[in-house]
C-alpha cells in the first residue's frame, strides 16, 4: 500500500532576517515598494512539496512514491532520496531545465517572503499517473506543481479510481474560480491554510459550507491556533501540538499533510488523523530545513500521548 505524492521537488535557499518585515514595509508605500533585507543566516536544503511530504510520510513508516519532474542538477537530491530510502521510480529528469529553486526569507514573526523558479516543474504534465498496475497505489495527493500537471494529475487520479487530496498551496494563484471548483469536485479531500481558504472562497464564490459538501473532508490549518476539519456537516476542532522550539516554519504544512495521508491510509478517524498531522507540524518546526528532523514511532506515540492525553 503506497501513496503517490504529486508535486514539486526543489532546492530551498532559506534566509533568516533578524527583524520583522512589518518594521520595514510601509503600507502606504507598497505601490513603490523597494526594500532590502540583510540576511546573515543562509542555508541550502532539499525541499519541494512532494519531497517534503514523502520524507515525512516515510518517517511515519509508510512507503511513499514521489512523482515529479526535475532538472539536470538533480543528482545531489537523488543521492539524498536514496540515503533516505525514498523511491524515485516516478521522478522524471528533464536535462534542459533546472530543478525548481525556492528562495525563502523568514522574519522573527515566522512570516515568509518566497521567490520560486519552477524550472522543470513547469513540465510536470509530461509525467503521468500510471493507469495500469496501480494496485499498490491506494491514495494520492496533488500538491503545488505546474498548473497543467496539477489539472491532468487530478483527472488521472479520477480515471484510475484513486482517492486523492487536493492541496493547491502556493500554486493557487495560477487557477481561476472555475478551475478551482473543477479540482474541488474531482478531489476526495481538500487541505488549505487559513489564508488559502480565504483566497479559495473569494475566487470560487463558495462558502466554507458549500466547499465542504463537494469533498469528504475540508481541512483548514491555522498555525498555532490548530486546525479545523469540516466533514459530515460538522467541524472538528484539532488543537495545535506544542513544539519544543520554534526554529523554522518552512515545510510545516507539508509535514501536516503527510500526517493526513498517514491517518487516511491507516483508517484513523478525523480526530486522531488531525492530531497526528498537528504533531507532525510541531516536530518539523523544531528543526531548520524541511527534511532534517527525525524520530522513532515509539517517540512519536509518546509525544502524541503527552500532547493530547490519549493514544492511537
Protein backbone atom coordinates (compact mmCIF):
# COMPACT_ATOMS: atom_id res chain seq x y z
CA UNK A 1 0.00 0.00 0.00
CA UNK A 2 1.56 3.27 -1.14
CA UNK A 3 0.71 6.94 -1.53
CA UNK A 4 1.58 8.68 -4.79
CA UNK A 5 2.88 12.15 -3.99
CA UNK A 6 2.49 14.53 -6.95
CA UNK A 7 4.20 17.89 -6.61
CA UNK A 8 7.38 19.87 -6.77
CA UNK A 9 10.94 18.88 -5.98
CA UNK A 10 13.14 21.87 -5.27
CA UNK A 11 16.29 23.16 -3.71
CA UNK A 12 15.39 25.61 -0.93
CA UNK A 13 17.68 28.54 -0.20
CA UNK A 14 16.47 29.66 3.23
CA UNK A 15 17.49 33.02 4.64
CA UNK A 16 16.74 34.42 8.09
CA UNK A 17 16.03 38.13 8.60
CA UNK A 18 16.75 39.09 12.21
CA UNK A 19 13.92 41.61 12.42
CA UNK A 20 10.28 41.89 11.38
CA UNK A 21 9.11 42.68 7.85
CA UNK A 22 6.42 44.98 9.25
CA UNK A 23 9.13 47.33 10.55
CA UNK A 24 10.42 47.89 7.02
CA UNK A 25 7.35 47.74 4.78
CA UNK A 26 5.23 50.88 4.89
CA UNK A 27 1.60 50.03 3.97
CA UNK A 28 1.02 53.45 2.42
CA UNK A 29 4.08 52.98 0.16
CA UNK A 30 3.52 49.46 -1.16
CA UNK A 31 2.83 50.87 -4.65
CA UNK A 32 6.51 51.94 -4.80
CA UNK A 33 7.92 49.04 -2.79
CA UNK A 34 11.73 48.91 -2.83
CA UNK A 35 13.13 47.08 0.19
CA UNK A 36 16.24 45.11 1.03
CA UNK A 37 16.71 42.69 3.93
CA UNK A 38 20.09 41.79 5.40
CA UNK A 39 20.11 38.02 5.90
CA UNK A 40 23.30 36.90 7.71
CA UNK A 41 21.99 33.33 8.07
CA UNK A 42 21.52 31.27 4.90
CA UNK A 43 21.13 27.53 4.23
CA UNK A 44 20.53 25.40 1.17
CA UNK A 45 18.20 22.47 1.76
CA UNK A 46 16.36 19.74 -0.11
CA UNK A 47 12.72 20.75 -0.46
CA UNK A 48 9.68 20.99 -2.69
CA UNK A 49 6.22 19.87 -1.60
CA UNK A 50 6.44 16.34 -3.00
CA UNK A 51 9.86 15.72 -1.48
CA UNK A 52 8.84 17.14 1.90
CA UNK A 53 5.56 15.25 2.11
CA UNK A 54 7.21 11.99 1.10
CA UNK A 55 10.07 12.45 3.60
CA UNK A 56 7.60 12.96 6.46
CA UNK A 57 5.39 10.06 5.40
CA UNK A 58 8.47 7.83 5.32
CA UNK A 59 9.25 8.84 8.92
CA UNK A 60 5.80 7.55 9.84
CA UNK A 61 6.68 4.15 8.41
CA UNK A 62 4.94 4.30 5.03
CA UNK A 63 6.44 3.79 1.55
CA UNK A 64 5.50 6.90 -0.44
CA UNK A 65 6.13 7.23 -4.17
CA UNK A 66 7.22 10.66 -5.43
CA UNK A 67 6.01 11.79 -8.85
CA UNK A 68 7.79 14.93 -10.02
CA UNK A 69 9.78 16.48 -12.86
CA UNK A 70 13.32 17.64 -12.07
CA UNK A 71 16.30 19.13 -13.89
CA UNK A 72 19.88 18.33 -14.83
CA UNK A 73 21.12 19.44 -11.40
CA UNK A 74 19.09 16.83 -9.51
CA UNK A 75 21.87 14.34 -8.70
CA UNK A 76 22.59 15.59 -5.12
CA UNK A 77 18.86 15.33 -4.35
CA UNK A 78 18.71 11.87 -5.95
CA UNK A 79 21.50 10.75 -3.62
CA UNK A 80 19.56 12.14 -0.64
CA UNK A 81 16.44 10.23 -1.70
CA UNK A 82 18.47 7.03 -1.89
CA UNK A 83 20.01 7.71 1.52
CA UNK A 84 16.52 8.33 2.93
CA UNK A 85 15.24 5.12 1.29
CA UNK A 86 12.70 7.01 -0.80
CA UNK A 87 11.75 5.72 -4.23
CA UNK A 88 12.50 7.85 -7.31
CA UNK A 89 10.63 5.46 -9.64
CA UNK A 90 8.28 8.19 -10.87
CA UNK A 91 10.76 11.11 -10.83
CA UNK A 92 11.35 12.32 -14.40
CA UNK A 93 14.61 14.14 -15.25
CA UNK A 94 14.47 16.88 -17.92
CA UNK A 95 18.05 17.61 -18.97
CA UNK A 96 17.34 21.08 -20.43
CA UNK A 97 15.97 22.53 -17.18
CA UNK A 98 16.98 23.31 -13.65
CA UNK A 99 15.25 21.62 -10.74
CA UNK A 100 12.85 24.02 -9.03
CA UNK A 101 14.54 26.63 -6.84
CA UNK A 102 12.89 28.37 -3.87
CA UNK A 103 14.41 31.44 -2.22
CA UNK A 104 12.74 31.91 1.16
CA UNK A 105 13.29 34.77 3.62
CA UNK A 106 11.81 34.31 7.11
CA UNK A 107 11.47 37.06 9.71
CA UNK A 108 11.22 36.91 13.52
CA UNK A 109 7.43 36.53 13.37
CA UNK A 110 7.81 33.44 11.12
CA UNK A 111 6.42 35.42 8.19
CA UNK A 112 7.93 34.41 4.86
CA UNK A 113 8.66 36.04 1.51
CA UNK A 114 9.36 33.47 -1.19
CA UNK A 115 10.59 33.71 -4.77
CA UNK A 116 10.27 30.49 -6.74
CA UNK A 117 11.82 29.44 -10.06
CA UNK A 118 9.77 26.47 -11.27
CA UNK A 119 12.29 25.08 -13.76
CA UNK A 120 11.38 21.51 -14.67
CA UNK A 121 8.25 21.72 -12.52
CA UNK A 122 6.57 23.67 -15.33
CA UNK A 123 6.61 20.46 -17.36
CA UNK A 124 5.07 18.23 -14.69
CA UNK A 125 2.34 17.29 -17.19
CA UNK A 126 4.96 15.22 -19.05
CA UNK A 127 4.80 12.81 -16.11
CA UNK A 128 1.60 10.78 -15.94
CA UNK A 129 -0.04 8.80 -13.15
CA UNK A 130 0.19 5.12 -14.08
CA UNK A 131 -3.28 3.88 -15.00
CA UNK A 132 -2.23 0.23 -15.08
CA UNK A 133 -0.85 -1.92 -12.27
CA UNK A 134 -1.90 0.65 -9.66
CA UNK A 135 -2.89 -1.90 -7.02
CA UNK A 136 -0.04 -0.72 -4.79
CA UNK A 137 -1.18 2.93 -5.00
CA UNK A 138 -4.21 3.37 -2.75
CA UNK A 139 -4.16 7.13 -2.20
CA UNK A 140 -2.64 10.23 -3.74
CA UNK A 141 -2.10 13.94 -3.31
CA UNK A 142 -1.94 16.73 -5.87
CA UNK A 143 0.27 19.35 -4.25
CA UNK A 144 1.76 22.55 -5.78
CA UNK A 145 3.30 21.80 -9.18
CA UNK A 146 2.97 23.02 -12.77
CA UNK A 147 -0.59 24.17 -13.46
CA UNK A 148 -1.25 21.79 -16.35
CA UNK A 149 0.33 18.95 -14.40
CA UNK A 150 -1.91 19.54 -11.38
CA UNK A 151 -5.02 19.56 -13.55
CA UNK A 152 -4.04 16.47 -15.52
CA UNK A 153 -2.91 14.53 -12.46
CA UNK A 154 -6.23 15.22 -10.74
CA UNK A 155 -8.08 13.90 -13.80
CA UNK A 156 -5.78 10.87 -13.96
CA UNK A 157 -6.41 10.04 -10.29
CA UNK A 158 -10.14 10.11 -11.02
CA UNK A 159 -9.69 7.89 -14.09
CA UNK A 160 -7.59 5.44 -12.08
CA UNK A 161 -10.15 5.38 -9.25
CA UNK A 162 -7.55 6.54 -6.72
CA UNK A 163 -8.84 8.91 -3.99
CA UNK A 164 -6.64 11.97 -3.54
CA UNK A 165 -6.06 15.13 -1.53
CA UNK A 166 -6.09 18.42 -3.44
CA UNK A 167 -3.52 20.74 -1.86
CA UNK A 168 -3.27 23.89 -4.02
CA UNK A 169 -0.95 25.71 -1.61
CA UNK A 170 1.19 28.39 -3.20
CA UNK A 171 0.02 27.20 -6.62
CA UNK A 172 -3.48 28.60 -6.06
CA UNK A 173 -2.85 31.96 -7.83
CA UNK A 174 -2.45 30.02 -11.09
CA UNK A 175 -6.13 28.99 -11.11
CA UNK A 176 -9.32 30.92 -11.70
CA UNK A 177 -12.55 30.21 -9.85
CA UNK A 178 -13.99 27.75 -12.35
CA UNK A 179 -10.76 25.76 -12.45
CA UNK A 180 -10.65 25.57 -8.66
CA UNK A 181 -14.27 24.39 -8.49
CA UNK A 182 -13.48 21.63 -11.00
CA UNK A 183 -10.50 20.49 -8.92
CA UNK A 184 -12.65 20.56 -5.77
CA UNK A 185 -15.24 18.36 -7.44
CA UNK A 186 -12.59 15.87 -8.57
CA UNK A 187 -10.82 15.63 -5.20
CA UNK A 188 -11.76 13.37 -2.30
CA UNK A 189 -10.28 15.71 0.32
CA UNK A 190 -9.00 19.31 0.23
CA UNK A 191 -6.47 20.91 2.55
CA UNK A 192 -5.72 24.65 2.83
CA UNK A 193 -4.18 27.04 5.30
CA UNK A 194 -6.30 29.89 6.61
CA UNK A 195 -5.04 32.40 4.04
CA UNK A 196 -5.55 29.96 1.17
CA UNK A 197 -9.07 29.22 2.36
CA UNK A 198 -9.95 32.92 2.16
CA UNK A 199 -8.49 33.11 -1.34
CA UNK A 200 -10.40 29.98 -2.36
CA UNK A 201 -13.67 31.48 -1.11
CA UNK A 202 -13.00 34.71 -2.96
CA UNK A 203 -12.13 33.04 -6.25
CA UNK A 204 -14.86 30.40 -6.30
CA UNK A 205 -17.66 32.43 -4.72
CA UNK A 206 -18.40 29.46 -2.46
CA UNK A 207 -18.87 29.47 1.30
CA UNK A 208 -16.95 27.08 3.54
CA UNK A 209 -20.11 25.03 3.98
CA UNK A 210 -20.60 24.79 0.22
CA UNK A 211 -16.98 23.88 -0.34
CA UNK A 212 -17.16 21.16 2.31
CA UNK A 213 -20.14 19.50 0.59
CA UNK A 214 -18.03 18.87 -2.51
CA UNK A 215 -15.47 16.68 -0.70
CA UNK A 216 -15.35 14.05 2.03
CA UNK A 217 -13.42 16.48 4.21
CA UNK A 218 -12.14 20.05 4.04
CA UNK A 219 -9.10 20.66 6.25
CA UNK A 220 -8.01 24.19 7.18
CA UNK A 221 -4.80 24.74 9.13
CA UNK A 222 -4.38 27.83 11.31
CA UNK A 223 -0.83 27.59 12.64
CA UNK A 224 -0.62 27.95 16.42
CA UNK A 225 -4.44 28.07 16.58
CA UNK A 226 -4.68 24.45 15.44
CA UNK A 227 -6.79 23.26 12.54
CA UNK A 228 -10.39 22.61 11.56
CA UNK A 229 -11.78 19.61 9.70
CA UNK A 230 -15.17 20.05 8.04
CA UNK A 231 -16.77 16.68 7.37
CA UNK A 232 -20.25 15.13 7.51
CA UNK A 233 -21.86 18.51 8.20
CA UNK A 234 -19.78 19.27 11.29
CA UNK A 235 -16.49 20.96 12.16
CA UNK A 236 -13.90 19.04 14.19
CA UNK A 237 -11.51 21.30 16.10
CA UNK A 238 -7.93 19.99 16.21
CA UNK A 239 -5.65 21.56 18.84
CA UNK A 240 -2.11 22.54 17.93
CA UNK A 241 0.61 20.27 19.29
CA UNK A 242 3.25 22.03 21.37
CA UNK A 243 6.70 22.30 19.76
CA UNK A 244 9.79 22.18 21.94
CA UNK A 245 11.33 25.04 19.96
CA UNK A 246 10.29 27.48 17.23
CA UNK A 247 13.14 27.08 14.79
CA UNK A 248 11.91 27.17 11.17
CA UNK A 249 8.32 27.15 9.85
CA UNK A 250 9.34 26.16 6.32
CA UNK A 251 7.75 22.83 5.42
CA UNK A 252 5.39 22.59 8.41
CA UNK A 253 2.38 22.45 6.11
CA UNK A 254 3.94 19.59 4.15
CA UNK A 255 4.62 17.69 7.38
CA UNK A 256 0.98 18.22 8.37
CA UNK A 257 -0.18 16.83 5.03
CA UNK A 258 1.95 13.74 5.49
CA UNK A 259 0.13 13.22 8.78
CA UNK A 260 -3.21 13.46 6.98
CA UNK A 261 -2.11 10.83 4.45
CA UNK A 262 -0.88 8.55 7.23
CA UNK A 263 -4.19 8.79 9.09
CA UNK A 264 -6.20 8.13 5.94
CA UNK A 265 -4.01 5.19 4.92
CA UNK A 266 -4.45 3.62 8.34
CA UNK A 267 -8.17 4.41 8.58
CA UNK A 268 -7.98 6.51 11.74
CA UNK A 269 -10.91 8.80 12.45
CA UNK A 270 -10.56 12.52 11.74
CA UNK A 271 -9.96 13.50 15.36
CA UNK A 272 -6.92 11.20 15.50
CA UNK A 273 -5.77 11.95 11.95
CA UNK A 274 -5.83 15.69 12.60
CA UNK A 275 -3.85 15.30 15.81
CA UNK A 276 -1.22 13.15 14.09
CA UNK A 277 -0.92 15.84 11.41
CA UNK A 278 -0.71 18.57 14.05
CA UNK A 279 2.12 16.79 15.85
CA UNK A 280 3.99 16.32 12.57
CA UNK A 281 3.94 20.07 12.03
CA UNK A 282 5.19 20.72 15.58
CA UNK A 283 8.08 18.30 15.18
CA UNK A 284 9.09 19.88 11.88
CA UNK A 285 9.15 23.46 13.22
CA UNK A 286 11.74 22.40 15.81
CA UNK A 287 14.44 21.88 13.14
CA UNK A 288 15.93 24.04 10.41
CA UNK A 289 15.15 22.90 6.89
CA UNK A 290 12.33 20.71 5.67
CA UNK A 291 13.95 17.27 5.74
CA UNK A 292 16.36 17.32 8.69
CA UNK A 293 14.08 16.17 11.52
CA UNK A 294 13.73 12.53 12.51
CA UNK A 295 12.03 10.40 15.17
CA UNK A 296 11.11 6.84 16.05
CA UNK A 297 7.47 5.77 16.07
CA UNK A 298 7.74 4.97 19.77
CA UNK A 299 8.90 8.53 20.46
CA UNK A 300 6.16 9.92 18.20
CA UNK A 301 3.45 7.98 20.03
CA UNK A 302 4.83 9.16 23.38
CA UNK A 303 4.65 12.80 22.26
CA UNK A 304 1.12 12.21 20.97
CA UNK A 305 0.13 10.95 24.43
CA UNK A 306 1.82 13.93 26.11
CA UNK A 307 0.10 16.46 23.85
CA UNK A 308 -3.38 15.01 23.58
CA UNK A 309 -3.82 12.74 26.61
CA UNK A 310 -4.64 9.67 24.54
CA UNK A 311 -3.01 7.14 22.26
CA UNK A 312 -3.63 5.93 18.74
